Amino acid sequence: MKRTLVYKVDLTKIEGDGAFSCPKCATTISPDDETENAYTILETKFKGDSLNKLIIQCKCGSEIHLVGFLSS
């Protein structure tokens, strides 16, 4: 059985437009990409009305937990 690698990316530590590279395969993952060609959204987690965590899966199979969303 193949083990899924899990990574955590803190968006507050990313400069620029919010794009970052997959920690495993270096595919660029951009918040502007609505096609989901590079990744698939697995789960969204909210704290109250604010987005707390977004879990995505890169096309390489890595699971990436995105944290650090700014609350409104």
PDB file of N, CA and C in Angstrom:
ATOM      1  N   MET A   1       0.841  -1.183   0.000  1.00  0.00           N
ATOM      2  CA  MET A   1       0.000   0.000   0.000  1.00  0.00           C
ATOM      3  C   MET A   1       0.888   1.249   0.000  1.00  0.00           C
ATOM      4  N   LYS A   2       0.575   2.181  -0.863  1.00  0.00           N
ATOM      5  CA  LYS A   2       1.363   3.403  -0.995  1.00  0.00           C
ATOM      6  C   LYS A   2       0.952   4.411   0.079  1.00  0.00           C
ATOM      7  N   ARG A   3       1.940   4.992   0.741  1.00  0.00           N
ATOM      8  CA  ARG A   3       1.686   5.966   1.807  1.00  0.00           C
ATOM      9  C   ARG A   3       1.617   7.375   1.230  1.00  0.00           C
ATOM     10  N   THR A   4       0.601   8.124   1.613  1.00  0.00           N
ATOM     11  CA  THR A   4       0.449   9.498   1.171  1.00  0.00           C
ATOM     12  C   THR A   4       1.317  10.404   2.034  1.00  0.00           C
ATOM     13  N   LEU A   5       2.095  11.256   1.399  1.00  0.00           N
ATOM     14  CA  LEU A   5       2.897  12.232   2.129  1.00  0.00           C
ATOM     15  C   LEU A   5       2.026  13.435   2.451  1.00  0.00           C
ATOM     16  N   VAL A   6       2.114  13.918   3.690  1.00  0.00           N
ATOM     17  CA  VAL A   6       1.313  15.050   4.140  1.00  0.00           C
ATOM     18  C   VAL A   6       2.251  16.209   4.482  1.00  0.00           C
ATOM     19  N   TYR A   7       1.921  17.382   3.948  1.00  0.00           N
ATOM     20  CA  TYR A   7       2.719  18.586   4.185  1.00  0.00           C
ATOM     21  C   TYR A   7       1.802  19.687   4.712  1.00  0.00           C
ATOM     22  N   LYS A   8       2.392  20.628   5.451  1.00  0.00           N
ATOM     23  CA  LYS A   8       1.665  21.788   5.958  1.00  0.00           C
ATOM     24  C   LYS A   8       2.312  23.029   5.358  1.00  0.00           C
ATOM     25  N   VAL A   9       1.500  23.894   4.760  1.00  0.00           N
ATOM     26  CA  VAL A   9       1.991  25.142   4.172  1.00  0.00           C
ATOM     27  C   VAL A   9       1.267  26.299   4.857  1.00  0.00           C
ATOM     28  N   ASP A  10       2.042  27.188   5.475  1.00  0.00           N
ATOM     29  CA  ASP A  10       1.495  28.366   6.153  1.00  0.00           C
ATOM     30  C   ASP A  10       1.480  29.524   5.152  1.00  0.00           C
ATOM     31  N   LEU A  11       0.284  29.941   4.774  1.00  0.00           N
ATOM     32  CA  LEU A  11       0.134  30.984   3.754  1.00  0.00           C
ATOM     33  C   LEU A  11       0.661  32.342   4.213  1.00  0.00           C
ATOM     34  N   THR A  12       0.784  32.555   5.525  1.00  0.00           N
ATOM     35  CA  THR A  12       1.303  33.837   6.009  1.00  0.00           C
ATOM     36  C   THR A  12       2.798  33.967   5.728  1.00  0.00           C
ATOM     37  N   LYS A  13       3.452  32.875   5.402  1.00  0.00           N
ATOM     38  CA  LYS A  13       4.886  32.896   5.127  1.00  0.00           C
ATOM     39  C   LYS A  13       5.207  32.948   3.630  1.00  0.00           C
ATOM     40  N   ILE A  14       4.161  33.050   2.799  1.00  0.00           N
ATOM     41  CA  ILE A  14       4.347  33.096   1.344  1.00  0.00           C
ATOM     42  C   ILE A  14       4.258  34.543   0.878  1.00  0.00           C
ATOM     43  N   GLU A  15       5.234  34.955   0.088  1.00  0.00           N
ATOM     44  CA  GLU A  15       5.228  36.309  -0.463  1.00  0.00           C
ATOM     45  C   GLU A  15       4.618  36.285  -1.860  1.00  0.00           C
ATOM     46  N   GLY A  16       4.165  37.436  -2.311  1.00  0.00           N
ATOM     47  CA  GLY A  16       3.648  37.555  -3.666  1.00  0.00           C
ATOM     48  C   GLY A  16       2.164  37.276  -3.747  1.00  0.00           C
ATOM     49  N   ASP A  17       1.751  36.593  -4.830  1.00  0.00           N
ATOM     50  CA  ASP A  17       0.331  36.405  -5.118  1.00  0.00           C
ATOM     51  C   ASP A  17      -0.287  35.186  -4.437  1.00  0.00           C
ATOM     52  N   GLY A  18       0.465  34.494  -3.594  1.00  0.00           N
ATOM     53  CA  GLY A  18      -0.061  33.332  -2.888  1.00  0.00           C
ATOM     54  C   GLY A  18       0.266  32.004  -3.541  1.00  0.00           C
ATOM     55  N   ALA A  19       0.930  32.024  -4.685  1.00  0.00           N
ATOM     56  CA  ALA A  19       1.334  30.778  -5.339  1.00  0.00           C
ATOM     57  C   ALA A  19       2.511  30.172  -4.586  1.00  0.00           C
ATOM     58  N   PHE A  20       2.570  28.845  -4.558  1.00  0.00           N
ATOM     59  CA  PHE A  20       3.670  28.148  -3.905  1.00  0.00           C
ATOM     60  C   PHE A  20       3.938  26.852  -4.656  1.00  0.00           C
ATOM     61  N   SER A  21       5.072  26.251  -4.381  1.00  0.00           N
ATOM     62  CA  SER A  21       5.435  24.987  -5.016  1.00  0.00           C
ATOM     63  C   SER A  21       5.096  23.829  -4.096  1.00  0.00           C
ATOM     64  N   CYS A  22       4.635  22.738  -4.685  1.00  0.00           N
ATOM     65  CA  CYS A  22       4.398  21.514  -3.917  1.00  0.00           C
ATOM     66  C   CYS A  22       5.713  21.114  -3.255  1.00  0.00           C
ATOM     67  N   PRO A  23       5.684  20.819  -1.951  1.00  0.00           N
ATOM     68  CA  PRO A  23       6.914  20.438  -1.258  1.00  0.00           C
ATOM     69  C   PRO A  23       7.564  19.159  -1.803  1.00  0.00           C
ATOM     70  N   LYS A  24       6.791  18.311  -2.471  1.00  0.00           N
ATOM     71  CA  LYS A  24       7.346  17.062  -2.987  1.00  0.00           C
ATOM     72  C   LYS A  24       7.829  17.194  -4.429  1.00  0.00           C
ATOM     73  N   CYS A  25       6.959  17.673  -5.333  1.00  0.00           N
ATOM     74  CA  CYS A  25       7.286  17.632  -6.763  1.00  0.00           C
ATOM     75  C   CYS A  25       7.559  18.998  -7.382  1.00  0.00           C
ATOM     76  N   ALA A  26       7.387  20.078  -6.632  1.00  0.00           N
ATOM     77  CA  ALA A  26       7.646  21.458  -7.067  1.00  0.00           C
ATOM     78  C   ALA A  26       6.660  21.988  -8.096  1.00  0.00           C
ATOM     79  N   THR A  27       5.524  21.316  -8.296  1.00  0.00           N
ATOM     80  CA  THR A  27       4.476  21.860  -9.165  1.00  0.00           C
ATOM     81  C   THR A  27       3.966  23.155  -8.554  1.00  0.00           C
ATOM     82  N   THR A  28       3.802  24.195  -9.373  1.00  0.00           N
ATOM     83  CA  THR A  28       3.286  25.468  -8.871  1.00  0.00           C
ATOM     84  C   THR A  28       1.791  25.347  -8.626  1.00  0.00           C
ATOM     85  N   ILE A  29       1.391  25.688  -7.411  1.00  0.00           N
ATOM     86  CA  ILE A  29      -0.019  25.687  -7.029  1.00  0.00           C
ATOM     87  C   ILE A  29      -0.397  27.134  -6.768  1.00  0.00           C
ATOM     88  N   SER A  30      -1.359  27.615  -7.534  1.00  0.00           N
ATOM     89  CA  SER A  30      -1.749  29.017  -7.477  1.00  0.00           C
ATOM     90  C   SER A  30      -3.201  29.159  -7.040  1.00  0.00           C
ATOM     91  N   PRO A  31      -3.504  30.145  -6.189  1.00  0.00           N
ATOM     92  CA  PRO A  31      -4.898  30.381  -5.809  1.00  0.00           C
ATOM     93  C   PRO A  31      -5.737  30.874  -6.987  1.00  0.00           C
ATOM     94  N   ASP A  32      -5.089  31.359  -8.038  1.00  0.00           N
ATOM     95  CA  ASP A  32      -5.811  31.835  -9.220  1.00  0.00           C
ATOM     96  C   ASP A  32      -6.198  30.709 -10.174  1.00  0.00           C
ATOM     97  N   ASP A  33      -5.634  29.499  -9.965  1.00  0.00           N
ATOM     98  CA  ASP A  33      -5.921  28.361 -10.837  1.00  0.00           C
ATOM     99  C   ASP A  33      -7.247  27.728 -10.435  1.00  0.00           C
ATOM    100  N   GLU A  34      -8.276  27.964 -11.222  1.00  0.00           N
ATOM    101  CA  GLU A  34      -9.593  27.408 -10.930  1.00  0.00           C
ATOM    102  C   GLU A  34      -9.844  26.100 -11.677  1.00  0.00           C
ATOM    103  N   THR A  35      -8.882  25.640 -12.463  1.00  0.00           N
ATOM    104  CA  THR A  35      -9.070  24.438 -13.272  1.00  0.00           C
ATOM    105  C   THR A  35      -8.858  23.161 -12.474  1.00  0.00           C
ATOM    106  N   GLU A  36      -8.129  23.236 -11.382  1.00  0.00           N
ATOM    107  CA  GLU A  36      -7.742  22.085 -10.567  1.00  0.00           C
ATOM    108  C   GLU A  36      -6.944  21.068 -11.383  1.00  0.00           C
ATOM    109  N   ASN A  37      -6.153  21.544 -12.351  1.00  0.00           N
ATOM    110  CA  ASN A  37      -5.262  20.649 -13.095  1.00  0.00           C
ATOM    111  C   ASN A  37      -4.064  20.237 -12.252  1.00  0.00           C
ATOM    112  N   ALA A  38      -3.597  21.108 -11.368  1.00  0.00           N
ATOM    113  CA  ALA A  38      -2.414  20.828 -10.552  1.00  0.00           C
ATOM    114  C   ALA A  38      -2.778  20.221  -9.199  1.00  0.00           C
ATOM    115  N   TYR A  39      -4.007  20.398  -8.773  1.00  0.00           N
ATOM    116  CA  TYR A  39      -4.415  19.922  -7.450  1.00  0.00           C
ATOM    117  C   TYR A  39      -5.922  19.690  -7.409  1.00  0.00           C
ATOM    118  N   THR A  40      -6.362  18.991  -6.364  1.00  0.00           N
ATOM    119  CA  THR A  40      -7.773  18.753  -6.111  1.00  0.00           C
ATOM    120  C   THR A  40      -8.063  19.161  -4.676  1.00  0.00           C
ATOM    121  N   ILE A  41      -9.154  19.862  -4.455  1.00  0.00           N
ATOM    122  CA  ILE A  41      -9.551  20.233  -3.100  1.00  0.00           C
ATOM    123  C   ILE A  41     -10.200  19.015  -2.443  1.00  0.00           C
ATOM    124  N   LEU A  42      -9.653  18.608  -1.312  1.00  0.00           N
ATOM    125  CA  LEU A  42     -10.179  17.454  -0.579  1.00  0.00           C
ATOM    126  C   LEU A  42     -11.156  17.863   0.511  1.00  0.00           C
ATOM    127  N   GLU A  43     -10.836  18.946   1.235  1.00  0.00           N
ATOM    128  CA  GLU A  43     -11.665  19.332   2.377  1.00  0.00           C
ATOM    129  C   GLU A  43     -11.423  20.790   2.739  1.00  0.00           C
ATOM    130  N   THR A  44     -12.485  21.467   3.153  1.00  0.00           N
ATOM    131  CA  THR A  44     -12.363  22.823   3.692  1.00  0.00           C
ATOM    132  C   THR A  44     -12.827  22.787   5.151  1.00  0.00           C
ATOM    133  N   LYS A  45     -12.087  23.483   6.016  1.00  0.00           N
ATOM    134  CA  LYS A  45     -12.449  23.531   7.431  1.00  0.00           C
ATOM    135  C   LYS A  45     -12.615  24.984   7.845  1.00  0.00           C
ATOM    136  N   PHE A  46     -13.707  25.251   8.538  1.00  0.00           N
ATOM    137  CA  PHE A  46     -14.023  26.600   8.980  1.00  0.00           C
ATOM    138  C   PHE A  46     -13.980  26.688  10.491  1.00  0.00           C
ATOM    139  N   LYS A  47     -13.657  27.882  10.967  1.00  0.00           N
ATOM    140  CA  LYS A  47     -13.757  28.210  12.396  1.00  0.00           C
ATOM    141  C   LYS A  47     -14.727  29.374  12.440  1.00  0.00           C
ATOM    142  N   GLY A  48     -15.948  29.099  12.845  1.00  0.00           N
ATOM    143  CA  GLY A  48     -16.996  30.109  12.747  1.00  0.00           C
ATOM    144  C   GLY A  48     -17.305  30.343  11.277  1.00  0.00           C
ATOM    145  N   ASP A  49     -17.248  31.606  10.858  1.00  0.00           N
ATOM    146  CA  ASP A  49     -17.502  31.958   9.460  1.00  0.00           C
ATOM    147  C   ASP A  49     -16.219  32.081   8.644  1.00  0.00           C
ATOM    148  N   SER A  50     -15.058  31.884   9.280  1.00  0.00           N
ATOM    149  CA  SER A  50     -13.774  32.086   8.603  1.00  0.00           C
ATOM    150  C   SER A  50     -13.151  30.754   8.190  1.00  0.00           C
ATOM    151  N   LEU A  51     -12.537  30.751   7.001  1.00  0.00           N
ATOM    152  CA  LEU A  51     -11.811  29.581   6.532  1.00  0.00           C
ATOM    153  C   LEU A  51     -10.595  29.376   7.421  1.00  0.00           C
ATOM    154  N   ASN A  52     -10.452  28.189   7.992  1.00  0.00           N
ATOM    155  CA  ASN A  52      -9.367  27.886   8.910  1.00  0.00           C
ATOM    156  C   ASN A  52      -8.283  27.040   8.246  1.00  0.00           C
ATOM    157  N   LYS A  53      -8.700  26.069   7.421  1.00  0.00           N
ATOM    158  CA  LYS A  53      -7.751  25.162   6.779  1.00  0.00           C
ATOM    159  C   LYS A  53      -8.350  24.653   5.478  1.00  0.00           C
ATOM    160  N   LEU A  54      -7.502  24.514   4.480  1.00  0.00           N
ATOM    161  CA  LEU A  54      -7.892  23.941   3.201  1.00  0.00           C
ATOM    162  C   LEU A  54      -6.958  22.766   2.947  1.00  0.00           C
ATOM    163  N   ILE A  55      -7.538  21.601   2.712  1.00  0.00           N
ATOM    164  CA  ILE A  55      -6.734  20.417   2.437  1.00  0.00           C
ATOM    165  C   ILE A  55      -6.859  20.095   0.954  1.00  0.00           C
ATOM    166  N   ILE A  56      -5.708  20.076   0.279  1.00  0.00           N
ATOM    167  CA  ILE A  56      -5.688  19.786  -1.151  1.00  0.00           C
ATOM    168  C   ILE A  56      -4.770  18.596  -1.414  1.00  0.00           C
ATOM    169  N   GLN A  57      -4.929  18.027  -2.607  1.00  0.00           N
ATOM    170  CA  GLN A  57      -4.031  16.960  -3.027  1.00  0.00           C
ATOM    171  C   GLN A  57      -3.400  17.371  -4.345  1.00  0.00           C
ATOM    172  N   CYS A  58      -2.079  17.400  -4.366  1.00  0.00           N
ATOM    173  CA  CYS A  58      -1.328  17.729  -5.573  1.00  0.00           C
ATOM    174  C   CYS A  58      -1.467  16.585  -6.571  1.00  0.00           C
ATOM    175  N   LYS A  59      -1.217  16.872  -7.829  1.00  0.00           N
ATOM    176  CA  LYS A  59      -1.300  15.830  -8.852  1.00  0.00           C
ATOM    177  C   LYS A  59      -0.298  14.700  -8.614  1.00  0.00           C
ATOM    178  N   CYS A  60       0.755  14.952  -7.798  1.00  0.00           N
ATOM    179  CA  CYS A  60       1.742  13.912  -7.478  1.00  0.00           C
ATOM    180  C   CYS A  60       1.248  12.980  -6.371  1.00  0.00           C
ATOM    181  N   GLY A  61       0.120  13.328  -5.747  1.00  0.00           N
ATOM    182  CA  GLY A  61      -0.451  12.497  -4.692  1.00  0.00           C
ATOM    183  C   GLY A  61      -0.224  13.015  -3.290  1.00  0.00           C
ATOM    184  N   SER A  62       0.616  14.030  -3.131  1.00  0.00           N
ATOM    185  CA  SER A  62       0.875  14.596  -1.805  1.00  0.00           C
ATOM    186  C   SER A  62      -0.350  15.342  -1.291  1.00  0.00           C
ATOM    187  N   GLU A  63      -0.598  15.208  -0.004  1.00  0.00           N
ATOM    188  CA  GLU A  63      -1.683  15.940   0.644  1.00  0.00           C
ATOM    189  C   GLU A  63      -1.078  17.172   1.292  1.00  0.00           C
ATOM    190  N   ILE A  64      -1.660  18.341   1.012  1.00  0.00           N
ATOM    191  CA  ILE A  64      -1.126  19.603   1.523  1.00  0.00           C
ATOM    192  C   ILE A  64      -2.199  20.295   2.349  1.00  0.00           C
ATOM    193  N   HIS A  65      -1.854  20.593   3.600  1.00  0.00           N
ATOM    194  CA  HIS A  65      -2.773  21.306   4.503  1.00  0.00           C
ATOM    195  C   HIS A  65      -2.371  22.776   4.478  1.00  0.00           C
ATOM    196  N   LEU A  66      -3.251  23.600   3.946  1.00  0.00           N
ATOM    197  CA  LEU A  66      -3.001  25.038   3.866  1.00  0.00           C
ATOM    198  C   LEU A  66      -3.599  25.705   5.092  1.00  0.00           C
ATOM    199  N   VAL A  67      -2.771  26.454   5.823  1.00  0.00           N
ATOM    200  CA  VAL A  67      -3.208  27.174   7.024  1.00  0.00           C
ATOM    201  C   VAL A  67      -2.737  28.627   6.898  1.00  0.00           C
ATOM    202  N   GLY A  68      -3.220  29.467   7.800  1.00  0.00           N
ATOM    203  CA  GLY A  68      -2.776  30.863   7.807  1.00  0.00           C
ATOM    204  C   GLY A  68      -3.685  31.784   7.018  1.00  0.00           C
ATOM    205  N   PHE A  69      -4.941  31.392   6.839  1.00  0.00           N
ATOM    206  CA  PHE A  69      -5.878  32.262   6.142  1.00  0.00           C
ATOM    207  C   PHE A  69      -6.196  33.450   7.018  1.00  0.00           C
ATOM    208  N   LEU A  70      -6.279  34.625   6.433  1.00  0.00           N
ATOM    209  CA  LEU A  70      -6.613  35.825   7.192  1.00  0.00           C
ATOM    210  C   LEU A  70      -8.104  35.857   7.448  1.00  0.00           C
ATOM    211  N   SER A  71      -8.486  36.064   8.707  1.00  0.00           N
ATOM    212  CA  SER A  71      -9.906  36.152   9.015  1.00  0.00           C
ATOM    213  C   SER A  71     -10.411  37.544   8.688  1.00  0.00           C
ATOM    214  N   SER A  72     -11.666  37.570   8.260  1.00  0.00           N
ATOM    215  CA  SER A  72     -12.228  38.862   7.821  1.00  0.00           C
ATOM    216  C   SER A  72     -12.780  39.680   8.938  1.00  0.00           C
TER     217      SER A  72
END
